[in-house]
PDB file of N, CA and C in Angstrom:
ATOM      1  N   MET A   1      92.283-193.344 -14.625  1.00  0.00           N
ATOM      2  CA  MET A   1      92.473-192.917 -13.265  1.00  0.00           C
ATOM      3  C   MET A   1      93.926-193.236 -12.856  1.00  0.00           C
ATOM      4  N   SER A   2      94.468-192.344 -12.066  1.00  0.00           N
ATOM      5  CA  SER A   2      95.798-192.596 -11.496  1.00  0.00           C
ATOM      6  C   SER A   2      95.982-191.647 -10.344  1.00  0.00           C
ATOM      7  N   ASP A   3      96.839-191.982  -9.461  1.00  0.00           N
ATOM      8  CA  ASP A   3      97.232-191.127  -8.306  1.00  0.00           C
ATOM      9  C   ASP A   3      95.975-190.852  -7.359  1.00  0.00           C
ATOM     10  N   CYS A   4      95.301-191.914  -7.000  1.00  0.00           N
ATOM     11  CA  CYS A   4      94.165-191.765  -6.140  1.00  0.00           C
ATOM     12  C   CYS A   4      93.967-192.930  -5.259  1.00  0.00           C
ATOM     13  N   VAL A   5      92.946-192.735  -4.353  1.00  0.00           N
ATOM     14  CA  VAL A   5      92.636-193.822  -3.445  1.00  0.00           C
ATOM     15  C   VAL A   5      91.170-194.373  -3.774  1.00  0.00           C
ATOM     16  N   LEU A   6      91.078-195.695  -3.976  1.00  0.00           N
ATOM     17  CA  LEU A   6      89.849-196.282  -4.318  1.00  0.00           C
ATOM     18  C   LEU A   6      89.325-197.130  -3.111  1.00  0.00           C
ATOM     19  N   LEU A   7      88.027-197.013  -2.800  1.00  0.00           N
ATOM     20  CA  LEU A   7      87.483-197.798  -1.778  1.00  0.00           C
ATOM     21  C   LEU A   7      86.980-199.117  -2.348  1.00  0.00           C
ATOM     22  N   GLY A   8      87.437-200.279  -1.848  1.00  0.00           N
ATOM     23  CA  GLY A   8      87.074-201.558  -2.397  1.00  0.00           C
ATOM     24  C   GLY A   8      86.263-202.292  -1.328  1.00  0.00           C
ATOM     25  N   ASP A   9      85.632-203.333  -1.858  1.00  0.00           N
ATOM     26  CA  ASP A   9      84.812-204.220  -1.092  1.00  0.00           C
ATOM     27  C   ASP A   9      85.661-205.179  -0.322  1.00  0.00           C
ATOM     28  N   ARG A  10      85.134-205.914   0.559  1.00  0.00           N
ATOM     29  CA  ARG A  10      85.952-206.934   1.285  1.00  0.00           C
ATOM     30  C   ARG A  10      86.396-208.117   0.285  1.00  0.00           C
ATOM     31  N   GLY A  11      85.699-208.150  -0.808  1.00  0.00           N
ATOM     32  CA  GLY A  11      86.034-209.238  -1.818  1.00  0.00           C
ATOM     33  C   GLY A  11      87.282-208.921  -2.531  1.00  0.00           C
ATOM     34  N   TYR A  12      87.876-207.678  -2.387  1.00  0.00           N
ATOM     35  CA  TYR A  12      89.157-207.287  -3.148  1.00  0.00           C
ATOM     36  C   TYR A  12      90.313-207.313  -2.141  1.00  0.00           C
ATOM     37  N   LEU A  13      90.474-208.377  -1.499  1.00  0.00           N
ATOM     38  CA  LEU A  13      91.497-208.411  -0.433  1.00  0.00           C
ATOM     39  C   LEU A  13      92.836-208.957  -1.005  1.00  0.00           C
ATOM     40  N   SER A  14      92.940-209.317  -2.307  1.00  0.00           N
ATOM     41  CA  SER A  14      94.087-209.801  -2.847  1.00  0.00           C
ATOM     42  C   SER A  14      95.204-208.687  -2.884  1.00  0.00           C
ATOM     43  N   GLU A  15      96.373-209.160  -2.203  1.00  0.00           N
ATOM     44  CA  GLU A  15      97.516-208.227  -2.078  1.00  0.00           C
ATOM     45  C   GLU A  15      98.222-208.086  -3.464  1.00  0.00           C
ATOM     46  N   SER A  16      98.140-209.106  -4.293  1.00  0.00           N
ATOM     47  CA  SER A  16      98.749-208.917  -5.598  1.00  0.00           C
ATOM     48  C   SER A  16      97.938-207.951  -6.473  1.00  0.00           C
ATOM     49  N   ILE A  17      96.602-207.884  -6.407  1.00  0.00           N
ATOM     50  CA  ILE A  17      95.959-206.929  -7.121  1.00  0.00           C
ATOM     51  C   ILE A  17      96.161-205.525  -6.673  1.00  0.00           C
ATOM     52  N   GLN A  18      96.298-205.341  -5.297  1.00  0.00           N
ATOM     53  CA  GLN A  18      96.576-204.077  -4.773  1.00  0.00           C
ATOM     54  C   GLN A  18      97.912-203.596  -5.157  1.00  0.00           C
ATOM     55  N   LEU A  19      98.938-204.476  -5.106  1.00  0.00           N
ATOM     56  CA  LEU A  19     100.315-204.090  -5.514  1.00  0.00           C
ATOM     57  C   LEU A  19     100.317-203.754  -6.978  1.00  0.00           C
ATOM     58  N   ASN A  20      99.684-204.551  -7.776  1.00  0.00           N
ATOM     59  CA  ASN A  20      99.623-204.301  -9.228  1.00  0.00           C
ATOM     60  C   ASN A  20      99.036-202.928  -9.507  1.00  0.00           C
ATOM     61  N   LEU A  21      97.893-202.510  -8.891  1.00  0.00           N
ATOM     62  CA  LEU A  21      97.283-201.250  -9.047  1.00  0.00           C
ATOM     63  C   LEU A  21      98.297-200.170  -8.594  1.00  0.00           C
ATOM     64  N   PHE A  22      98.947-200.341  -7.527  1.00  0.00           N
ATOM     65  CA  PHE A  22      99.852-199.306  -7.006  1.00  0.00           C
ATOM     66  C   PHE A  22     101.010-199.115  -7.874  1.00  0.00           C
ATOM     67  N   HIS A  23     101.604-200.159  -8.325  1.00  0.00           N
ATOM     68  CA  HIS A  23     102.879-200.051  -9.115  1.00  0.00           C
ATOM     69  C   HIS A  23     102.597-199.544 -10.627  1.00  0.00           C
ATOM     70  N   SER A  24     101.367-199.983 -11.071  1.00  0.00           N
ATOM     71  CA  SER A  24     101.140-199.647 -12.497  1.00  0.00           C
ATOM     72  C   SER A  24     100.584-198.196 -12.690  1.00  0.00           C
ATOM     73  N   VAL A  25      99.656-197.860 -11.893  1.00  0.00           N
ATOM     74  CA  VAL A  25      98.972-196.461 -12.044  1.00  0.00           C
ATOM     75  C   VAL A  25      98.966-195.701 -10.815  1.00  0.00           C
ATOM     76  N   ASN A  26      99.687-196.132  -9.747  1.00  0.00           N
ATOM     77  CA  ASN A  26      99.724-195.348  -8.443  1.00  0.00           C
ATOM     78  C   ASN A  26      98.369-195.189  -7.834  1.00  0.00           C
ATOM     79  N   ILE A  27      97.556-196.254  -7.852  1.00  0.00           N
ATOM     80  CA  ILE A  27      96.265-196.275  -7.158  1.00  0.00           C
ATOM     81  C   ILE A  27      96.307-197.108  -5.928  1.00  0.00           C
ATOM     82  N   LYS A  28      95.977-196.474  -4.820  1.00  0.00           N
ATOM     83  CA  LYS A  28      95.879-197.304  -3.496  1.00  0.00           C
ATOM     84  C   LYS A  28      94.544-197.735  -3.329  1.00  0.00           C
ATOM     85  N   LEU A  29      94.403-199.043  -3.225  1.00  0.00           N
ATOM     86  CA  LEU A  29      93.054-199.699  -3.071  1.00  0.00           C
ATOM     87  C   LEU A  29      92.883-200.032  -1.513  1.00  0.00           C
ATOM     88  N   GLU A  30      91.893-199.252  -0.949  1.00  0.00           N
ATOM     89  CA  GLU A  30      91.624-199.433   0.474  1.00  0.00           C
ATOM     90  C   GLU A  30      90.462-200.396   0.679  1.00  0.00           C
ATOM     91  N   THR A  31      90.783-201.461   1.265  1.00  0.00           N
ATOM     92  CA  THR A  31      89.724-202.495   1.509  1.00  0.00           C
ATOM     93  C   THR A  31      89.655-202.776   3.018  1.00  0.00           C
ATOM     94  N   PRO A  32      88.454-202.769   3.598  1.00  0.00           N
ATOM     95  CA  PRO A  32      88.385-203.089   5.044  1.00  0.00           C
ATOM     96  C   PRO A  32      88.695-204.519   5.296  1.00  0.00           C
ATOM     97  N   LYS A  33      89.508-204.821   6.314  1.00  0.00           N
ATOM     98  CA  LYS A  33      89.804-206.190   6.658  1.00  0.00           C
ATOM     99  C   LYS A  33      88.702-206.724   7.605  1.00  0.00           C
ATOM    100  N   ARG A  34      88.532-208.065   7.531  1.00  0.00           N
ATOM    101  CA  ARG A  34      87.635-208.663   8.480  1.00  0.00           C
ATOM    102  C   ARG A  34      88.253-208.788   9.865  1.00  0.00           C
ATOM    103  N   MET A  35      87.402-208.911  10.828  1.00  0.00           N
ATOM    104  CA  MET A  35      87.862-208.841  12.252  1.00  0.00           C
ATOM    105  C   MET A  35      88.832-210.115  12.555  1.00  0.00           C
ATOM    106  N   ASN A  36      88.619-211.142  11.861  1.00  0.00           N
ATOM    107  CA  ASN A  36      89.407-212.382  12.154  1.00  0.00           C
ATOM    108  C   ASN A  36      90.667-212.463  11.275  1.00  0.00           C
ATOM    109  N   GLN A  37      91.017-211.435  10.532  1.00  0.00           N
ATOM    110  CA  GLN A  37      92.261-211.450   9.708  1.00  0.00           C
ATOM    111  C   GLN A  37      93.470-210.990  10.515  1.00  0.00           C
ATOM    112  N   LEU A  38      94.633-211.315  10.013  1.00  0.00           N
ATOM    113  CA  LEU A  38      95.883-210.770  10.583  1.00  0.00           C
ATOM    114  C   LEU A  38      95.981-209.309  10.230  1.00  0.00           C
ATOM    115  N   ASN A  39      96.523-208.617  11.105  1.00  0.00           N
ATOM    116  CA  ASN A  39      96.796-207.098  11.003  1.00  0.00           C
ATOM    117  C   ASN A  39      95.418-206.349  10.788  1.00  0.00           C
ATOM    118  N   TYR A  40      94.446-206.833  11.550  1.00  0.00           N
ATOM    119  CA  TYR A  40      93.133-206.114  11.494  1.00  0.00           C
ATOM    120  C   TYR A  40      93.279-204.784  12.204  1.00  0.00           C
ATOM    121  N   LYS A  41      92.719-203.791  11.579  1.00  0.00           N
ATOM    122  CA  LYS A  41      92.595-202.461  12.243  1.00  0.00           C
ATOM    123  C   LYS A  41      91.325-201.838  11.587  1.00  0.00           C
ATOM    124  N   PRO A  42      90.462-201.225  12.347  1.00  0.00           N
ATOM    125  CA  PRO A  42      89.269-200.636  11.854  1.00  0.00           C
ATOM    126  C   PRO A  42      89.576-199.533  10.742  1.00  0.00           C
ATOM    127  N   GLN A  43      88.664-199.483   9.822  1.00  0.00           N
ATOM    128  CA  GLN A  43      88.757-198.589   8.713  1.00  0.00           C
ATOM    129  C   GLN A  43      88.519-197.128   9.300  1.00  0.00           C
ATOM    130  N   ALA A  44      89.124-196.189   8.590  1.00  0.00           N
ATOM    131  CA  ALA A  44      88.970-194.774   9.108  1.00  0.00           C
ATOM    132  C   ALA A  44      87.488-194.429   8.952  1.00  0.00           C
ATOM    133  N   TYR A  45      87.045-193.475   9.842  1.00  0.00           N
ATOM    134  CA  TYR A  45      85.696-193.060   9.904  1.00  0.00           C
ATOM    135  C   TYR A  45      85.198-192.479   8.583  1.00  0.00           C
ATOM    136  N   VAL A  46      86.069-191.714   7.915  1.00  0.00           N
ATOM    137  CA  VAL A  46      85.662-191.067   6.627  1.00  0.00           C
ATOM    138  C   VAL A  46      85.379-192.143   5.595  1.00  0.00           C
ATOM    139  N   PHE A  47      86.165-193.232   5.526  1.00  0.00           N
ATOM    140  CA  PHE A  47      85.886-194.298   4.642  1.00  0.00           C
ATOM    141  C   PHE A  47      84.646-195.070   4.957  1.00  0.00           C
ATOM    142  N   ARG A  48      84.463-195.279   6.196  1.00  0.00           N
ATOM    143  CA  ARG A  48      83.181-195.980   6.588  1.00  0.00           C
ATOM    144  C   ARG A  48      81.959-195.187   6.230  1.00  0.00           C
ATOM    145  N   LYS A  49      82.037-193.838   6.398  1.00  0.00           N
ATOM    146  CA  LYS A  49      80.945-192.968   6.146  1.00  0.00           C
ATOM    147  C   LYS A  49      80.609-193.005   4.626  1.00  0.00           C
ATOM    148  N   TYR A  50      81.595-192.919   3.765  1.00  0.00           N
ATOM    149  CA  TYR A  50      81.320-192.931   2.363  1.00  0.00           C
ATOM    150  C   TYR A  50      80.928-194.322   1.867  1.00  0.00           C
ATOM    151  N   ARG A  51      81.470-195.384   2.481  1.00  0.00           N
ATOM    152  CA  ARG A  51      80.985-196.777   2.119  1.00  0.00           C
ATOM    153  C   ARG A  51      79.482-196.918   2.428  1.00  0.00           C
ATOM    154  N   LYS A  52      79.086-196.412   3.636  1.00  0.00           N
ATOM    155  CA  LYS A  52      77.741-196.546   3.958  1.00  0.00           C
ATOM    156  C   LYS A  52      76.834-195.785   2.967  1.00  0.00           C
ATOM    157  N   ARG A  53      77.280-194.578   2.544  1.00  0.00           N
ATOM    158  CA  ARG A  53      76.510-193.790   1.612  1.00  0.00           C
ATOM    159  C   ARG A  53      76.384-194.571   0.289  1.00  0.00           C
ATOM    160  N   ILE A  54      77.421-195.127  -0.192  1.00  0.00           N
ATOM    161  CA  ILE A  54      77.443-195.867  -1.449  1.00  0.00           C
ATOM    162  C   ILE A  54      76.545-197.148  -1.302  1.00  0.00           C
ATOM    163  N   GLU A  55      76.682-197.858  -0.258  1.00  0.00           N
ATOM    164  CA  GLU A  55      75.950-199.066  -0.106  1.00  0.00           C
ATOM    165  C   GLU A  55      74.371-198.702   0.006  1.00  0.00           C
ATOM    166  N   THR A  56      74.123-197.570   0.675  1.00  0.00           N
ATOM    167  CA  THR A  56      72.675-197.079   0.706  1.00  0.00           C
ATOM    168  C   THR A  56      72.146-196.763  -0.648  1.00  0.00           C
ATOM    169  N   LEU A  57      72.911-196.114  -1.405  1.00  0.00           N
ATOM    170  CA  LEU A  57      72.483-195.759  -2.824  1.00  0.00           C
ATOM    171  C   LEU A  57      72.276-197.012  -3.626  1.00  0.00           C
ATOM    172  N   PHE A  58      73.180-198.045  -3.573  1.00  0.00           N
ATOM    173  CA  PHE A  58      73.067-199.187  -4.286  1.00  0.00           C
ATOM    174  C   PHE A  58      71.780-199.951  -3.865  1.00  0.00           C
ATOM    175  N   SER A  59      71.526-199.941  -2.554  1.00  0.00           N
ATOM    176  CA  SER A  59      70.365-200.637  -2.002  1.00  0.00           C
ATOM    177  C   SER A  59      69.048-199.932  -2.463  1.00  0.00           C
ATOM    178  N   GLN A  60      69.088-198.627  -2.596  1.00  0.00           N
ATOM    179  CA  GLN A  60      67.910-197.931  -3.006  1.00  0.00           C
ATOM    180  C   GLN A  60      67.668-198.148  -4.554  1.00  0.00           C
ATOM    181  N   LEU A  61      68.810-198.164  -5.276  1.00  0.00           N
ATOM    182  CA  LEU A  61      68.635-198.470  -6.737  1.00  0.00           C
ATOM    183  C   LEU A  61      68.049-199.779  -6.943  1.00  0.00           C
ATOM    184  N   CYS A  62      68.487-200.842  -6.254  1.00  0.00           N
ATOM    185  CA  CYS A  62      68.011-202.160  -6.382  1.00  0.00           C
ATOM    186  C   CYS A  62      66.630-202.346  -5.856  1.00  0.00           C
ATOM    187  N   GLY A  63      66.391-201.749  -4.651  1.00  0.00           N
ATOM    188  CA  GLY A  63      64.986-201.985  -4.043  1.00  0.00           C
ATOM    189  C   GLY A  63      63.940-201.117  -4.526  1.00  0.00           C
ATOM    190  N   HIS A  64      64.120-199.814  -4.693  1.00  0.00           N
ATOM    191  CA  HIS A  64      63.104-198.938  -5.045  1.00  0.00           C
ATOM    192  C   HIS A  64      62.926-198.684  -6.558  1.00  0.00           C
ATOM    193  N   PHE A  65      64.091-198.644  -7.230  1.00  0.00           N
ATOM    194  CA  PHE A  65      64.148-198.271  -8.664  1.00  0.00           C
ATOM    195  C   PHE A  65      64.293-199.493  -9.468  1.00  0.00           C
ATOM    196  N   LEU A  66      64.374-200.752  -8.843  1.00  0.00           N
ATOM    197  CA  LEU A  66      64.455-201.967  -9.624  1.00  0.00           C
ATOM    198  C   LEU A  66      65.524-202.010 -10.651  1.00  0.00           C
ATOM    199  N   ILE A  67      66.720-201.547 -10.341  1.00  0.00           N
ATOM    200  CA  ILE A  67      67.754-201.455 -11.422  1.00  0.00           C
ATOM    201  C   ILE A  67      68.215-202.776 -11.922  1.00  0.00           C
ATOM    202  N   ARG A  68      68.008-203.834 -11.116  1.00  0.00           N
ATOM    203  CA  ARG A  68      68.489-205.146 -11.601  1.00  0.00           C
ATOM    204  C   ARG A  68      67.443-205.789 -12.622  1.00  0.00           C
ATOM    205  N   ARG A  69      66.164-205.369 -12.501  1.00  0.00           N
ATOM    206  CA  ARG A  69      65.164-205.825 -13.459  1.00  0.00           C
ATOM    207  C   ARG A  69      65.134-204.876 -14.618  1.00  0.00           C
ATOM    208  N   ASN A  70      65.691-205.368 -15.768  1.00  0.00           N
ATOM    209  CA  ASN A  70      65.768-204.568 -16.901  1.00  0.00           C
ATOM    210  C   ASN A  70      65.580-205.436 -18.110  1.00  0.00           C
ATOM    211  N   TYR A  71      64.510-205.123 -18.828  1.00  0.00           N
ATOM    212  CA  TYR A  71      64.124-205.983 -20.011  1.00  0.00           C
ATOM    213  C   TYR A  71      64.494-205.246 -21.377  1.00  0.00           C
ATOM    214  N   ALA A  72      65.536-204.592 -21.382  1.00  0.00           N
ATOM    215  CA  ALA A  72      65.989-203.834 -22.530  1.00  0.00           C
ATOM    216  C   ALA A  72      66.409-204.923 -23.620  1.00  0.00           C
ATOM    217  N   LYS A  73      66.131-204.634 -24.927  1.00  0.00           N
ATOM    218  CA  LYS A  73      66.499-205.517 -25.970  1.00  0.00           C
ATOM    219  C   LYS A  73      67.828-205.148 -26.588  1.00  0.00           C
ATOM    220  N   THR A  74      68.230-203.932 -26.477  1.00  0.00           N
ATOM    221  CA  THR A  74      69.535-203.504 -27.101  1.00  0.00           C
ATOM    222  C   THR A  74      70.359-202.740 -26.030  1.00  0.00           C
ATOM    223  N   PHE A  75      71.607-202.605 -26.328  1.00  0.00           N
ATOM    224  CA  PHE A  75      72.418-201.882 -25.408  1.00  0.00           C
ATOM    225  C   PHE A  75      72.087-200.420 -25.223  1.00  0.00           C
ATOM    226  N   GLU A  76      71.604-199.808 -26.302  1.00  0.00           N
ATOM    227  CA  GLU A  76      71.128-198.443 -26.184  1.00  0.00           C
ATOM    228  C   GLU A  76      69.893-198.357 -25.210  1.00  0.00           C
ATOM    229  N   GLY A  77      69.013-199.306 -25.434  1.00  0.00           N
ATOM    230  CA  GLY A  77      67.889-199.287 -24.435  1.00  0.00           C
ATOM    231  C   GLY A  77      68.251-199.582 -23.018  1.00  0.00           C
ATOM    232  N   PHE A  78      69.316-200.444 -22.821  1.00  0.00           N
ATOM    233  CA  PHE A  78      69.882-200.690 -21.469  1.00  0.00           C
ATOM    234  C   PHE A  78      70.389-199.437 -20.828  1.00  0.00           C
ATOM    235  N   LYS A  79      71.250-198.750 -21.638  1.00  0.00           N
ATOM    236  CA  LYS A  79      71.878-197.521 -21.139  1.00  0.00           C
ATOM    237  C   LYS A  79      70.789-196.454 -20.868  1.00  0.00           C
ATOM    238  N   THR A  80      69.767-196.355 -21.633  1.00  0.00           N
ATOM    239  CA  THR A  80      68.717-195.342 -21.465  1.00  0.00           C
ATOM    240  C   THR A  80      67.993-195.628 -20.163  1.00  0.00           C
ATOM    241  N   ARG A  81      67.620-196.916 -19.966  1.00  0.00           N
ATOM    242  CA  ARG A  81      66.885-197.246 -18.700  1.00  0.00           C
ATOM    243  C   ARG A  81      67.639-197.003 -17.402  1.00  0.00           C
ATOM    244  N   ILE A  82      68.926-197.453 -17.533  1.00  0.00           N
ATOM    245  CA  ILE A  82      69.753-197.276 -16.338  1.00  0.00           C
ATOM    246  C   ILE A  82      69.974-195.762 -16.059  1.00  0.00           C
ATOM    247  N   LEU A  83      70.224-194.984 -17.133  1.00  0.00           N
ATOM    248  CA  LEU A  83      70.379-193.571 -16.903  1.00  0.00           C
ATOM    249  C   LEU A  83      69.205-192.864 -16.397  1.00  0.00           C
ATOM    250  N   ALA A  84      67.990-193.325 -16.831  1.00  0.00           N
ATOM    251  CA  ALA A  84      66.705-192.741 -16.365  1.00  0.00           C
ATOM    252  C   ALA A  84      66.503-193.110 -14.864  1.00  0.00           C
ATOM    253  N   LYS A  85      66.880-194.306 -14.404  1.00  0.00           N
ATOM    254  CA  LYS A  85      66.680-194.609 -12.978  1.00  0.00           C
ATOM    255  C   LYS A  85      67.704-193.851 -12.122  1.00  0.00           C
ATOM    256  N   ILE A  86      68.963-193.658 -12.567  1.00  0.00           N
ATOM    257  CA  ILE A  86      69.916-192.916 -11.774  1.00  0.00           C
ATOM    258  C   ILE A  86      69.506-191.417 -11.794  1.00  0.00           C
ATOM    259  N   THR A  87      69.021-190.917 -12.889  1.00  0.00           N
ATOM    260  CA  THR A  87      68.490-189.563 -12.988  1.00  0.00           C
ATOM    261  C   THR A  87      67.345-189.314 -12.032  1.00  0.00           C
ATOM    262  N   ALA A  88      66.376-190.284 -11.929  1.00  0.00           N
ATOM    263  CA  ALA A  88      65.256-190.148 -11.010  1.00  0.00           C
ATOM    264  C   ALA A  88      65.723-190.112  -9.579  1.00  0.00           C
ATOM    265  N   LEU A  89      66.732-190.933  -9.199  1.00  0.00           N
ATOM    266  CA  LEU A  89      67.237-190.978  -7.880  1.00  0.00           C
ATOM    267  C   LEU A  89      67.945-189.569  -7.575  1.00  0.00           C
ATOM    268  N   THR A  90      68.793-189.121  -8.526  1.00  0.00           N
ATOM    269  CA  THR A  90      69.405-187.796  -8.336  1.00  0.00           C
ATOM    270  C   THR A  90      68.387-186.601  -8.178  1.00  0.00           C
ATOM    271  N   LEU A  91      67.304-186.674  -8.979  1.00  0.00           N
ATOM    272  CA  LEU A  91      66.304-185.661  -8.908  1.00  0.00           C
ATOM    273  C   LEU A  91      65.631-185.679  -7.503  1.00  0.00           C
ATOM    274  N   VAL A  92      65.287-186.867  -7.063  1.00  0.00           N
ATOM    275  CA  VAL A  92      64.680-186.934  -5.670  1.00  0.00           C
ATOM    276  C   VAL A  92      65.583-186.408  -4.668  1.00  0.00           C
ATOM    277  N   GLN A  93      66.931-186.743  -4.694  1.00  0.00           N
ATOM    278  CA  GLN A  93      67.866-186.197  -3.743  1.00  0.00           C
ATOM    279  C   GLN A  93      67.963-184.764  -3.833  1.00  0.00           C
ATOM    280  N   TYR A  94      67.985-184.197  -4.974  1.00  0.00           N
ATOM    281  CA  TYR A  94      68.018-182.719  -5.205  1.00  0.00           C
ATOM    282  C   TYR A  94      66.770-182.027  -4.539  1.00  0.00           C
ATOM    283  N   ILE A  95      65.612-182.625  -4.767  1.00  0.00           N
ATOM    284  CA  ILE A  95      64.365-182.045  -4.204  1.00  0.00           C
ATOM    285  C   ILE A  95      64.448-182.138  -2.650  1.00  0.00           C
ATOM    286  N   ASN A  96      64.927-183.269  -2.164  1.00  0.00           N
ATOM    287  CA  ASN A  96      65.015-183.459  -0.690  1.00  0.00           C
ATOM    288  C   ASN A  96      65.921-182.280  -0.020  1.00  0.00           C
ATOM    289  N   LYS A  97      67.101-182.084  -0.733  1.00  0.00           N
ATOM    290  CA  LYS A  97      68.073-181.295  -0.164  1.00  0.00           C
ATOM    291  C   LYS A  97      67.730-179.756  -0.330  1.00  0.00           C
ATOM    292  N   PHE A  98      67.330-179.319  -1.529  1.00  0.00           N
ATOM    293  CA  PHE A  98      67.106-177.959  -1.740  1.00  0.00           C
ATOM    294  C   PHE A  98      65.733-177.458  -1.658  1.00  0.00           C
ATOM    295  N   ILE A  99      64.743-178.246  -1.755  1.00  0.00           N
ATOM    296  CA  ILE A  99      63.366-177.747  -1.677  1.00  0.00           C
ATOM    297  C   ILE A  99      62.730-178.095  -0.253  1.00  0.00           C
ATOM    298  N   PHE A 100      62.900-179.319   0.174  1.00  0.00           N
ATOM    299  CA  PHE A 100      62.241-179.755   1.416  1.00  0.00           C
ATOM    300  C   PHE A 100      63.202-179.721   2.553  1.00  0.00           C
ATOM    301  N   ASP A 101      64.452-179.407   2.330  1.00  0.00           N
ATOM    302  CA  ASP A 101      65.446-179.360   3.457  1.00  0.00           C
ATOM    303  C   ASP A 101      65.450-180.615   4.348  1.00  0.00           C
ATOM    304  N   SER A 102      65.342-181.790   3.809  1.00  0.00           N
ATOM    305  CA  SER A 102      65.377-182.973   4.486  1.00  0.00           C
ATOM    306  C   SER A 102      66.536-183.840   4.032  1.00  0.00           C
ATOM    307  N   PRO A 103      66.911-184.980   4.774  1.00  0.00           N
ATOM    308  CA  PRO A 103      67.950-185.796   4.342  1.00  0.00           C
ATOM    309  C   PRO A 103      67.735-186.318   2.910  1.00  0.00           C
ATOM    310  N   ILE A 104      68.856-186.287   2.151  1.00  0.00           N
ATOM    311  CA  ILE A 104      68.763-186.654   0.767  1.00  0.00           C
ATOM    312  C   ILE A 104      68.376-188.068   0.464  1.00  0.00           C
ATOM    313  N   ASN A 105      68.640-188.985   1.367  1.00  0.00           N
ATOM    314  CA  ASN A 105      68.448-190.373   1.161  1.00  0.00           C
ATOM    315  C   ASN A 105      66.979-190.769   1.565  1.00  0.00           C
ATOM    316  N   ASN A 106      66.208-189.883   1.979  1.00  0.00           N
ATOM    317  CA  ASN A 106      64.758-190.180   2.306  1.00  0.00           C
ATOM    318  C   ASN A 106      63.985-190.125   0.977  1.00  0.00           C
ATOM    319  N   ILE A 107      64.007-191.214   0.214  1.00  0.00           N
ATOM    320  CA  ILE A 107      63.452-191.144  -1.074  1.00  0.00           C
ATOM    321  C   ILE A 107      61.994-191.572  -1.189  1.00  0.00           C
ATOM    322  N   LYS A 108      61.445-192.121  -0.014  1.00  0.00           N
ATOM    323  CA  LYS A 108      60.066-192.599  -0.048  1.00  0.00           C
ATOM    324  C   LYS A 108      59.073-191.531   0.556  1.00  0.00           C
ATOM    325  N   ASN A 109      59.510-190.319   0.739  1.00  0.00           N
ATOM    326  CA  ASN A 109      58.639-189.265   1.338  1.00  0.00           C
ATOM    327  C   ASN A 109      57.713-188.866   0.249  1.00  0.00           C
ATOM    328  N   GLN A 110      56.499-188.475   0.663  1.00  0.00           N
ATOM    329  CA  GLN A 110      55.426-187.962  -0.146  1.00  0.00           C
ATOM    330  C   GLN A 110      55.848-186.524  -0.614  1.00  0.00           C
ATOM    331  N   LEU A 111      55.899-186.276  -1.836  1.00  0.00           N
ATOM    332  CA  LEU A 111      56.354-184.956  -2.416  1.00  0.00           C
ATOM    333  C   LEU A 111      55.276-183.868  -2.402  1.00  0.00           C
ATOM    334  N   ILE A 112      54.046-184.279  -2.414  1.00  0.00           N
ATOM    335  CA  ILE A 112      52.955-183.223  -2.465  1.00  0.00           C
ATOM    336  C   ILE A 112      52.122-183.344  -1.286  1.00  0.00           C
TER     337      ILE A 112
END
């Protein structure tokens, strides 16, 4: 990746990491600042919207699809199980959007 903007978590506030990314591969790392930090300004709406979407997906993968609980014995088994869980989430979102015309993140709806 190069010449793009990455959205980071509040844990990636290190200016040295941000400068290194920018100077080496021209990546701008956007991290929201905490309210008690110097030079605080609210993050743009579009970034907040995408961050909320990403956090919701991670929460659903952890809560409903139990992505953290994985008893695979090999790396191939691990990849297969993670891919199956992400595919299931994507399929539910597709069904919500194109078949039921409901919000895609409502994954606990009864399908039949």
